[in-house]
Amino acid sequence: MGKINFDGLNEISNLFGELESRVHDLESGITVSMDDVITESFLNRCSSFLSFDEFLTAGGFSAITDAEFEAIPDADFDLHVKSTTTYPSWEEMLSAAHEEYITKHLTP
């Protein structure tokens, strides 16, 4: 009989431990800035903008605080997203960005 290599099992166990830790961090209710979610690389793939601020400014929006951002009319923002990105709505764009953010932070 051949020898059993436990090194590979230990490596897998360590990866699962690290993954579990990262999931816990994401579930712990950390606050993430929009710039961390809507990154330059994300925007480069779906638009011609280099930053979320540039994206807002191009749409005629100004939002320094969360309250100002929440006050932007949904219909106006969706129209800006649809006309300047590859996404049909802000909800779909934000969902894709969140998915990318989570995947990036779960990958060891």
Protein backbone atom coordinates (compact mmCIF):
# COMPACT_ATOMS: atom_id res chain seq x y z
CA MET A 1 0.00 0.00 0.00
CA GLY A 2 1.13 3.54 -0.71
CA LYS A 3 1.69 6.20 1.87
CA ILE A 4 -1.07 8.66 2.70
CA ASN A 5 0.00 12.28 2.26
CA PHE A 6 -1.55 14.34 5.04
CA ASP A 7 0.20 17.54 3.96
CA GLY A 8 -2.47 18.14 1.34
CA LEU A 9 -5.23 17.60 3.89
CA ASN A 10 -3.59 20.04 6.29
CA GLU A 11 -3.34 22.61 3.51
CA ILE A 12 -7.03 22.18 2.66
CA SER A 13 -7.93 22.45 6.34
CA ASN A 14 -5.92 25.67 6.63
CA LEU A 15 -7.63 27.13 3.54
CA PHE A 16 -11.05 26.32 4.99
CA GLY A 17 -10.04 27.94 8.26
CA GLU A 18 -8.93 31.09 6.47
CA LEU A 19 -12.10 31.12 4.37
CA GLU A 20 -14.23 30.72 7.49
CA SER A 21 -12.42 33.66 9.08
CA ARG A 22 -13.00 35.84 6.02
CA VAL A 23 -16.70 34.93 5.91
CA HIS A 24 -16.98 35.82 9.59
CA ASP A 25 -15.34 39.20 8.91
CA LEU A 26 -17.84 39.91 6.12
CA GLU A 27 -20.79 38.86 8.28
CA SER A 28 -19.68 40.91 11.28
CA GLY A 29 -21.39 44.02 10.00
CA ILE A 30 -18.33 45.91 8.85
CA THR A 31 -19.01 49.14 7.02
CA VAL A 32 -17.51 49.37 3.58
CA SER A 33 -17.19 52.62 1.66
CA MET A 34 -18.67 52.97 -1.79
CA ASP A 35 -15.13 53.51 -3.13
CA ASP A 36 -14.18 50.08 -1.78
CA VAL A 37 -17.11 48.43 -3.56
CA ILE A 38 -17.30 50.52 -6.74
CA THR A 39 -13.58 50.31 -7.49
CA GLU A 40 -11.60 51.81 -10.34
CA SER A 41 -11.17 48.38 -11.92
CA PHE A 42 -14.90 47.69 -11.64
CA LEU A 43 -15.73 51.04 -13.24
CA ASN A 44 -13.14 50.47 -15.99
CA ARG A 45 -14.92 47.27 -16.98
CA CYS A 46 -18.42 48.73 -17.08
CA SER A 47 -17.90 52.41 -17.92
CA SER A 48 -15.39 55.08 -18.89
CA PHE A 49 -15.09 56.47 -15.34
CA LEU A 50 -12.03 56.19 -13.11
CA SER A 51 -13.73 56.81 -9.76
CA PHE A 52 -17.14 56.79 -8.14
CA ASP A 53 -16.86 60.54 -7.58
CA GLU A 54 -16.21 61.07 -11.29
CA PHE A 55 -19.23 58.86 -12.05
CA LEU A 56 -21.43 60.97 -9.74
CA THR A 57 -20.14 64.28 -11.09
CA ALA A 58 -20.77 63.21 -14.70
CA GLY A 59 -24.40 62.60 -13.78
CA GLY A 60 -24.72 66.00 -12.14
CA PHE A 61 -24.92 64.44 -8.67
CA SER A 62 -23.14 65.56 -5.54
CA ALA A 63 -23.13 63.29 -2.52
CA ILE A 64 -20.61 63.81 0.23
CA THR A 65 -22.72 62.19 2.95
CA ASP A 66 -24.81 59.03 2.96
CA ALA A 67 -27.92 61.17 3.41
CA GLU A 68 -27.09 63.19 0.27
CA PHE A 69 -26.54 59.98 -1.68
CA GLU A 70 -29.84 58.53 -0.46
CA ALA A 71 -31.60 61.75 -1.52
CA ILE A 72 -30.68 61.25 -5.19
CA PRO A 73 -33.89 60.32 -7.02
CA ASP A 74 -33.81 56.64 -8.01
CA ALA A 75 -35.17 57.25 -11.50
CA ASP A 76 -32.51 59.88 -12.26
CA PHE A 77 -29.71 57.69 -10.94
CA ASP A 78 -30.96 54.63 -12.84
CA LEU A 79 -31.04 56.69 -16.03
CA HIS A 80 -27.43 57.79 -15.44
CA VAL A 81 -26.34 54.20 -14.78
CA LYS A 82 -28.15 52.92 -17.88
CA SER A 83 -26.74 55.61 -20.15
CA THR A 84 -23.12 55.50 -18.93
CA THR A 85 -22.48 51.89 -17.87
CA THR A 86 -23.16 48.38 -19.07
CA TYR A 87 -25.82 47.94 -16.37
CA PRO A 88 -29.53 48.65 -16.80
CA SER A 89 -30.00 49.95 -13.25
CA TRP A 90 -28.17 51.06 -10.11
CA GLU A 91 -29.46 48.01 -8.23
CA GLU A 92 -27.91 45.63 -10.77
CA MET A 93 -24.66 47.59 -10.89
CA LEU A 94 -24.35 47.69 -7.11
CA SER A 95 -25.22 44.00 -6.85
CA ALA A 96 -22.46 43.10 -9.32
CA ALA A 97 -19.97 45.29 -7.46
CA HIS A 98 -20.91 43.70 -4.13
CA GLU A 99 -20.53 40.24 -5.60
CA GLU A 100 -17.07 41.15 -6.90
CA TYR A 101 -16.09 42.69 -3.55
CA ILE A 102 -17.20 39.62 -1.61
CA THR A 103 -15.51 37.22 -4.02
CA LYS A 104 -12.28 39.20 -3.83
CA HIS A 105 -12.33 39.20 -0.04
CA LEU A 106 -13.17 35.50 0.25
CA THR A 107 -10.44 34.34 -2.11
CA PRO A 108 -7.35 33.31 -0.14
